[in-house]
C-alpha atoms as a PDB file:
ATOM      1  CA  MET A   1      38.697  27.902 -83.133  1.00  0.00           C
ATOM      2  CA  THR A   2      37.652  29.230 -79.720  1.00  0.00           C
ATOM      3  CA  ASP A   3      36.836  32.894 -79.843  1.00  0.00           C
ATOM      4  CA  PRO A   4      37.925  34.691 -76.638  1.00  0.00           C
ATOM      5  CA  GLN A   5      35.167  37.269 -77.078  1.00  0.00           C
ATOM      6  CA  THR A   6      32.515  34.561 -77.256  1.00  0.00           C
ATOM      7  CA  THR A   7      34.057  32.692 -74.313  1.00  0.00           C
ATOM      8  CA  HIS A   8      34.074  35.831 -72.191  1.00  0.00           C
ATOM      9  CA  LEU A   9      30.727  37.347 -73.096  1.00  0.00           C
ATOM     10  CA  GLN A  10      28.325  34.486 -73.791  1.00  0.00           C
ATOM     11  CA  PRO A  11      28.041  33.433 -70.115  1.00  0.00           C
ATOM     12  CA  LEU A  12      27.125  37.017 -69.236  1.00  0.00           C
ATOM     13  CA  LEU A  13      24.427  37.054 -71.910  1.00  0.00           C
ATOM     14  CA  ASP A  14      23.108  33.729 -70.615  1.00  0.00           C
ATOM     15  CA  ARG A  15      22.966  35.071 -67.051  1.00  0.00           C
ATOM     16  CA  TRP A  16      21.110  38.147 -68.230  1.00  0.00           C
ATOM     17  CA  GLN A  17      18.566  35.986 -70.037  1.00  0.00           C
ATOM     18  CA  HIS A  18      17.846  34.437 -66.642  1.00  0.00           C
ATOM     19  CA  GLY A  19      17.213  37.795 -65.000  1.00  0.00           C
ATOM     20  CA  ASP A  20      20.678  38.690 -63.698  1.00  0.00           C
ATOM     21  CA  GLN A  21      20.748  42.476 -64.033  1.00  0.00           C
ATOM     22  CA  ALA A  22      24.341  42.589 -62.767  1.00  0.00           C
ATOM     23  CA  ALA A  23      25.336  40.644 -65.892  1.00  0.00           C
ATOM     24  CA  ARG A  24      23.747  43.342 -68.059  1.00  0.00           C
ATOM     25  CA  ASP A  25      25.674  46.046 -66.214  1.00  0.00           C
ATOM     26  CA  GLU A  26      28.916  44.121 -66.653  1.00  0.00           C
ATOM     27  CA  LEU A  27      28.285  43.759 -70.373  1.00  0.00           C
ATOM     28  CA  ILE A  28      27.872  47.504 -70.720  1.00  0.00           C
ATOM     29  CA  HIS A  29      30.963  48.079 -68.595  1.00  0.00           C
ATOM     30  CA  LEU A  30      32.976  45.723 -70.786  1.00  0.00           C
ATOM     31  CA  SER A  31      31.840  47.676 -73.833  1.00  0.00           C
ATOM     32  CA  CYS A  32      33.019  50.997 -72.410  1.00  0.00           C
ATOM     33  CA  LYS A  33      36.692  50.616 -73.315  1.00  0.00           C
ATOM     34  CA  ARG A  34      35.975  49.997 -77.004  1.00  0.00           C
ATOM     35  CA  LEU A  35      33.337  52.731 -77.158  1.00  0.00           C
ATOM     36  CA  VAL A  36      35.700  55.262 -75.573  1.00  0.00           C
ATOM     37  CA  LYS A  37      38.389  54.434 -78.123  1.00  0.00           C
ATOM     38  CA  LEU A  38      35.912  54.690 -80.977  1.00  0.00           C
ATOM     39  CA  THR A  39      34.378  58.001 -79.938  1.00  0.00           C
ATOM     40  CA  ARG A  40      37.828  59.504 -79.438  1.00  0.00           C
ATOM     41  CA  LYS A  41      38.746  58.370 -82.920  1.00  0.00           C
ATOM     42  CA  MET A  42      35.624  60.014 -84.296  1.00  0.00           C
ATOM     43  CA  LEU A  43      36.206  63.301 -82.486  1.00  0.00           C
ATOM     44  CA  LYS A  44      39.942  63.489 -83.132  1.00  0.00           C
ATOM     45  CA  GLY A  45      40.674  66.765 -84.869  1.00  0.00           C
ATOM     46  CA  TYR A  46      37.123  68.097 -84.464  1.00  0.00           C
ATOM     47  CA  SER A  47      38.073  71.232 -82.565  1.00  0.00           C
ATOM     48  CA  ARG A  48      34.729  72.855 -83.436  1.00  0.00           C
ATOM     49  CA  LEU A  49      32.712  69.966 -82.025  1.00  0.00           C
ATOM     50  CA  ARG A  50      34.737  69.919 -78.825  1.00  0.00           C
ATOM     51  CA  GLN A  51      33.290  73.324 -78.056  1.00  0.00           C
ATOM     52  CA  PHE A  52      29.957  71.556 -77.588  1.00  0.00           C
ATOM     53  CA  GLU A  53      30.726  67.944 -76.655  1.00  0.00           C
ATOM     54  CA  GLU A  54      33.467  66.071 -74.835  1.00  0.00           C
ATOM     55  CA  THR A  55      34.249  62.411 -75.464  1.00  0.00           C
ATOM     56  CA  ASP A  56      32.770  61.381 -72.118  1.00  0.00           C
ATOM     57  CA  ASP A  57      29.511  63.199 -72.946  1.00  0.00           C
ATOM     58  CA  VAL A  58      29.216  61.399 -76.256  1.00  0.00           C
ATOM     59  CA  LEU A  59      30.063  58.093 -74.615  1.00  0.00           C
ATOM     60  CA  GLN A  60      27.479  58.569 -71.873  1.00  0.00           C
ATOM     61  CA  SER A  61      24.796  59.309 -74.437  1.00  0.00           C
ATOM     62  CA  ALA A  62      25.799  56.314 -76.568  1.00  0.00           C
ATOM     63  CA  LEU A  63      25.811  53.992 -73.548  1.00  0.00           C
ATOM     64  CA  LEU A  64      22.379  55.237 -72.488  1.00  0.00           C
ATOM     65  CA  ARG A  65      21.122  54.513 -75.997  1.00  0.00           C
ATOM     66  CA  LEU A  66      22.707  51.057 -75.839  1.00  0.00           C
ATOM     67  CA  PHE A  67      21.235  50.411 -72.398  1.00  0.00           C
ATOM     68  CA  ARG A  68      17.731  51.234 -73.612  1.00  0.00           C
ATOM     69  CA  ALA A  69      18.141  49.122 -76.730  1.00  0.00           C
ATOM     70  CA  MET A  70      19.381  46.148 -74.691  1.00  0.00           C
ATOM     71  CA  GLU A  71      16.441  46.483 -72.308  1.00  0.00           C
ATOM     72  CA  ALA A  72      13.984  46.590 -75.201  1.00  0.00           C
ATOM     73  CA  ALA A  73      15.492  43.610 -77.057  1.00  0.00           C
ATOM     74  CA  PRO A  74      18.061  41.720 -74.950  1.00  0.00           C
ATOM     75  CA  PRO A  75      20.704  40.145 -77.231  1.00  0.00           C
ATOM     76  CA  ARG A  76      20.958  36.386 -76.904  1.00  0.00           C
ATOM     77  CA  THR A  77      24.339  35.853 -78.530  1.00  0.00           C
ATOM     78  CA  VAL A  78      27.687  37.642 -78.726  1.00  0.00           C
ATOM     79  CA  ARG A  79      26.942  38.212 -82.393  1.00  0.00           C
ATOM     80  CA  ASP A  80      23.698  39.991 -81.491  1.00  0.00           C
ATOM     81  CA  PHE A  81      25.407  42.010 -78.762  1.00  0.00           C
ATOM     82  CA  PHE A  82      28.208  43.317 -80.976  1.00  0.00           C
ATOM     83  CA  GLY A  83      25.707  44.197 -83.685  1.00  0.00           C
ATOM     84  CA  LEU A  84      23.544  46.131 -81.239  1.00  0.00           C
ATOM     85  CA  ALA A  85      26.533  47.974 -79.762  1.00  0.00           C
ATOM     86  CA  ALA A  86      27.857  48.993 -83.188  1.00  0.00           C
ATOM     87  CA  LEU A  87      24.413  50.108 -84.351  1.00  0.00           C
ATOM     88  CA  ASN A  88      23.880  52.395 -81.381  1.00  0.00           C
ATOM     89  CA  ILE A  89      27.301  54.026 -81.348  1.00  0.00           C
ATOM     90  CA  ARG A  90      26.947  54.637 -85.077  1.00  0.00           C
ATOM     91  CA  ARG A  91      23.525  56.218 -84.701  1.00  0.00           C
ATOM     92  CA  GLU A  92      24.720  58.365 -81.821  1.00  0.00           C
ATOM     93  CA  LEU A  93      27.447  59.800 -84.041  1.00  0.00           C
ATOM     94  CA  ILE A  94      25.024  60.332 -86.926  1.00  0.00           C
ATOM     95  CA  ASP A  95      22.775  62.288 -84.568  1.00  0.00           C
ATOM     96  CA  LEU A  96      25.731  64.386 -83.435  1.00  0.00           C
ATOM     97  CA  ALA A  97      26.593  65.266 -87.007  1.00  0.00           C
ATOM     98  CA  ARG A  98      23.006  66.233 -87.801  1.00  0.00           C
ATOM     99  CA  HIS A  99      22.535  68.154 -84.571  1.00  0.00           C
ATOM    100  CA  TYR A 100      25.652  70.284 -84.771  1.00  0.00           C
ATOM    101  CA  PHE A 101      26.394  70.501 -88.478  1.00  0.00           C
ATOM    102  CA  GLY A 102      22.984  70.401 -90.075  1.00  0.00           C
ATOM    103  CA  PRO A 103      21.465  73.585 -91.587  1.00  0.00           C
ATOM    104  CA  GLN A 104      20.336  74.838 -88.161  1.00  0.00           C
ATOM    105  CA  GLY A 105      23.170  73.305 -86.157  1.00  0.00           C
ATOM    106  CA  ALA A 106      25.267  75.302 -83.719  1.00  0.00           C
ATOM    107  CA  GLY A 107      28.486  74.208 -85.388  1.00  0.00           C
ATOM    108  CA  ALA A 108      27.326  75.089 -88.875  1.00  0.00           C
ATOM    109  CA  ASN A 109      26.187  78.559 -87.862  1.00  0.00           C
ATOM    110  CA  GLN A 110      28.661  79.424 -85.171  1.00  0.00           C
ATOM    111  CA  ALA A 111      30.121  82.877 -85.492  1.00  0.00           C
ATOM    112  CA  THR A 112      33.902  83.175 -85.527  1.00  0.00           C
ATOM    113  CA  PRO A 113      35.901  86.294 -84.644  1.00  0.00           C
ATOM    114  CA  THR A 114      37.583  88.188 -87.489  1.00  0.00           C
ATOM    115  CA  PRO A 115      40.807  90.166 -87.165  1.00  0.00           C
ATOM    116  CA  PRO A 116      40.614  93.990 -87.009  1.00  0.00           C
ATOM    117  CA  ARG A 117      40.623  95.713 -90.376  1.00  0.00           C
ATOM    118  CA  ASP A 118      41.323  99.235 -91.470  1.00  0.00           C
ATOM    119  CA  ASP A 119      37.979 101.087 -91.543  1.00  0.00           C
ATOM    120  CA  SER A 120      39.344 104.262 -93.029  1.00  0.00           C
ATOM    121  CA  GLN A 121      37.908 103.368 -96.437  1.00  0.00           C
ATOM    122  CA  GLY A 122      34.374 102.830 -95.237  1.00  0.00           C
ATOM    123  CA  SER A 123      32.133 101.442 -92.523  1.00  0.00           C
ATOM    124  CA  PRO A 124      33.665  99.219 -89.848  1.00  0.00           C
ATOM    125  CA  PRO A 125      33.413  95.523 -90.610  1.00  0.00           C
ATOM    126  CA  PRO A 126      31.064  93.332 -88.603  1.00  0.00           C
ATOM    127  CA  ALA A 127      32.591  91.890 -85.441  1.00  0.00           C
ATOM    128  CA  TYR A 128      31.931  88.331 -86.598  1.00  0.00           C
ATOM    129  CA  ASP A 129      31.736  86.370 -89.812  1.00  0.00           C
ATOM    130  CA  LYS A 130      29.537  83.353 -90.376  1.00  0.00           C
ATOM    131  CA  ALA A 131      31.273  80.024 -89.844  1.00  0.00           C
ATOM    132  CA  GLU A 132      32.924  78.696 -92.955  1.00  0.00           C
ATOM    133  CA  SER A 133      31.149  75.944 -94.863  1.00  0.00           C
ATOM    134  CA  THR A 134      33.284  73.113 -96.160  1.00  0.00           C
ATOM    135  CA  ASN A 135      33.158  69.630 -97.627  1.00  0.00           C
ATOM    136  CA  ASP A 136      36.492  68.670 -96.086  1.00  0.00           C
ATOM    137  CA  PRO A 137      36.245  64.884 -95.496  1.00  0.00           C
ATOM    138  CA  ASP A 138      37.847  65.298 -92.072  1.00  0.00           C
ATOM    139  CA  ARG A 139      34.890  67.316 -90.851  1.00  0.00           C
ATOM    140  CA  LEU A 140      32.178  65.697 -88.794  1.00  0.00           C
ATOM    141  CA  VAL A 141      29.571  66.114 -91.512  1.00  0.00           C
ATOM    142  CA  SER A 142      31.567  63.679 -93.643  1.00  0.00           C
ATOM    143  CA  TRP A 143      31.690  61.241 -90.750  1.00  0.00           C
ATOM    144  CA  GLY A 144      27.910  61.471 -90.611  1.00  0.00           C
ATOM    145  CA  GLU A 145      27.685  60.587 -94.291  1.00  0.00           C
ATOM    146  CA  PHE A 146      30.123  57.737 -93.729  1.00  0.00           C
ATOM    147  CA  HIS A 147      28.013  56.210 -90.930  1.00  0.00           C
ATOM    148  CA  GLU A 148      24.840  56.614 -92.950  1.00  0.00           C
ATOM    149  CA  GLN A 149      26.403  54.730 -95.855  1.00  0.00           C
ATOM    150  CA  VAL A 150      27.499  51.960 -93.485  1.00  0.00           C
ATOM    151  CA  GLU A 151      23.841  51.598 -92.489  1.00  0.00           C
ATOM    152  CA  LEU A 152      22.994  50.997 -96.171  1.00  0.00           C
ATOM    153  CA  LEU A 153      25.538  48.233 -96.737  1.00  0.00           C
ATOM    154  CA  PRO A 154      24.152  44.767 -97.545  1.00  0.00           C
ATOM    155  CA  PRO A 155      23.550  42.973 -94.224  1.00  0.00           C
ATOM    156  CA  GLU A 156      26.434  40.485 -94.514  1.00  0.00           C
ATOM    157  CA  GLU A 157      28.912  43.211 -95.424  1.00  0.00           C
ATOM    158  CA  ARG A 158      27.619  45.551 -92.720  1.00  0.00           C
ATOM    159  CA  GLU A 159      27.925  42.853 -90.072  1.00  0.00           C
ATOM    160  CA  VAL A 160      31.561  42.223 -90.949  1.00  0.00           C
ATOM    161  CA  PHE A 161      32.242  45.954 -91.085  1.00  0.00           C
ATOM    162  CA  ASP A 162      30.670  46.379 -87.656  1.00  0.00           C
ATOM    163  CA  LEU A 163      32.843  43.682 -86.118  1.00  0.00           C
ATOM    164  CA  LEU A 164      36.120  44.777 -87.683  1.00  0.00           C
ATOM    165  CA  TRP A 165      35.749  48.561 -87.749  1.00  0.00           C
ATOM    166  CA  TYR A 166      33.349  49.462 -84.957  1.00  0.00           C
ATOM    167  CA  GLN A 167      34.274  46.673 -82.547  1.00  0.00           C
ATOM    168  CA  GLY A 168      37.950  46.406 -83.479  1.00  0.00           C
ATOM    169  CA  LEU A 169      37.997  42.613 -83.715  1.00  0.00           C
ATOM    170  CA  GLU A 170      40.523  40.599 -85.659  1.00  0.00           C
ATOM    171  CA  GLN A 171      39.323  38.806 -88.784  1.00  0.00           C
ATOM    172  CA  ALA A 172      39.760  35.448 -87.073  1.00  0.00           C
ATOM    173  CA  GLU A 173      37.570  36.570 -84.168  1.00  0.00           C
ATOM    174  CA  ALA A 174      34.914  37.880 -86.530  1.00  0.00           C
ATOM    175  CA  ALA A 175      34.953  34.608 -88.464  1.00  0.00           C
ATOM    176  CA  ALA A 176      34.434  32.643 -85.241  1.00  0.00           C
ATOM    177  CA  ILE A 177      31.534  34.828 -84.128  1.00  0.00           C
ATOM    178  CA  LEU A 178      29.878  34.638 -87.552  1.00  0.00           C
ATOM    179  CA  GLU A 179      30.650  30.913 -87.833  1.00  0.00           C
ATOM    180  CA  THR A 180      32.242  31.337 -91.223  1.00  0.00           C
ATOM    181  CA  SER A 181      35.739  31.264 -92.729  1.00  0.00           C
ATOM    182  CA  GLU A 182      38.344  33.984 -92.533  1.00  0.00           C
ATOM    183  CA  ARG A 183      38.371  34.005 -96.320  1.00  0.00           C
ATOM    184  CA  THR A 184      34.662  34.916 -96.328  1.00  0.00           C
ATOM    185  CA  VAL A 185      35.252  37.647 -93.759  1.00  0.00           C
ATOM    186  CA  ARG A 186      38.066  39.103 -95.871  1.00  0.00           C
ATOM    187  CA  ARG A 187      35.897  39.030 -98.982  1.00  0.00           C
ATOM    188  CA  ARG A 188      32.988  40.808 -97.274  1.00  0.00           C
ATOM    189  CA  TRP A 189      35.338  43.334 -95.637  1.00  0.00           C
ATOM    190  CA  GLN A 190      36.925  44.225 -98.983  1.00  0.00           C
ATOM    191  CA  ALA A 191      33.514  44.432-100.663  1.00  0.00           C
ATOM    192  CA  ALA A 192      32.193  46.763 -97.941  1.00  0.00           C
ATOM    193  CA  ARG A 193      35.212  49.057 -98.148  1.00  0.00           C
ATOM    194  CA  LEU A 194      34.992  49.219-101.932  1.00  0.00           C
ATOM    195  CA  ARG A 195      31.275  49.998-101.789  1.00  0.00           C
ATOM    196  CA  LEU A 196      31.853  52.796 -99.265  1.00  0.00           C
ATOM    197  CA  HIS A 197      34.717  54.167-101.330  1.00  0.00           C
ATOM    198  CA  GLU A 198      32.453  54.379-104.369  1.00  0.00           C
ATOM    199  CA  LYS A 199      29.464  55.837-102.505  1.00  0.00           C
ATOM    200  CA  LEU A 200      31.604  58.514-100.855  1.00  0.00           C
ATOM    201  CA  GLN A 201      33.578  59.144-104.035  1.00  0.00           C
ATOM    202  CA  GLY A 202      36.816  58.225-102.352  1.00  0.00           C
ATOM    203  CA  SER A 203      36.343  60.674 -99.479  1.00  0.00           C
ATOM    204  CA  LEU A 204      36.578  58.209 -96.605  1.00  0.00           C
ATOM    205  CA  PRO A 205      37.037  60.169 -93.353  1.00  0.00           C
ATOM    206  CA  GLY A 206      39.970  59.495 -91.082  1.00  0.00           C
END
């Protein structure tokens, strides 16, 4: 089977290997659409995070990270390229979770206004209460845990998960890139999802 992703991207990678910097720029440009979709998916419903970051800001940071990684170790194959792209977008989102919702993060400690209360029974209440702490799986902190657990998957399972979940490829495309059967891809995909489900105690975000 001819994989359209391989057909489209491999010539660009080959040109880059021969010093064509325009090919590198085109590769990053081609990655933008998928990265935008992914970051929007991650930030959907995160009203607290949107006070600090917009999707384009996250994307710019992730692309800069990807650019530096590609310069340091240029990928030779489409398989390498997709793996590098998934790794860097994942780590960008982990950093966001740690930065904003860690113990000293702005999101974790942000003050939120409280409604006026009757102070006739005592001293007036403080103007603000500390931000609520929660383990709601839809919160960004749970996404951070999710990405960290993906990093810990066995390599073969993580590679399939990267292609299907982070890159949005079809199983047939992933099988072609990995030079294996669709049956193997399905088996690794199911194993990865089960492992994540167990590690996160069923609290898969999104």
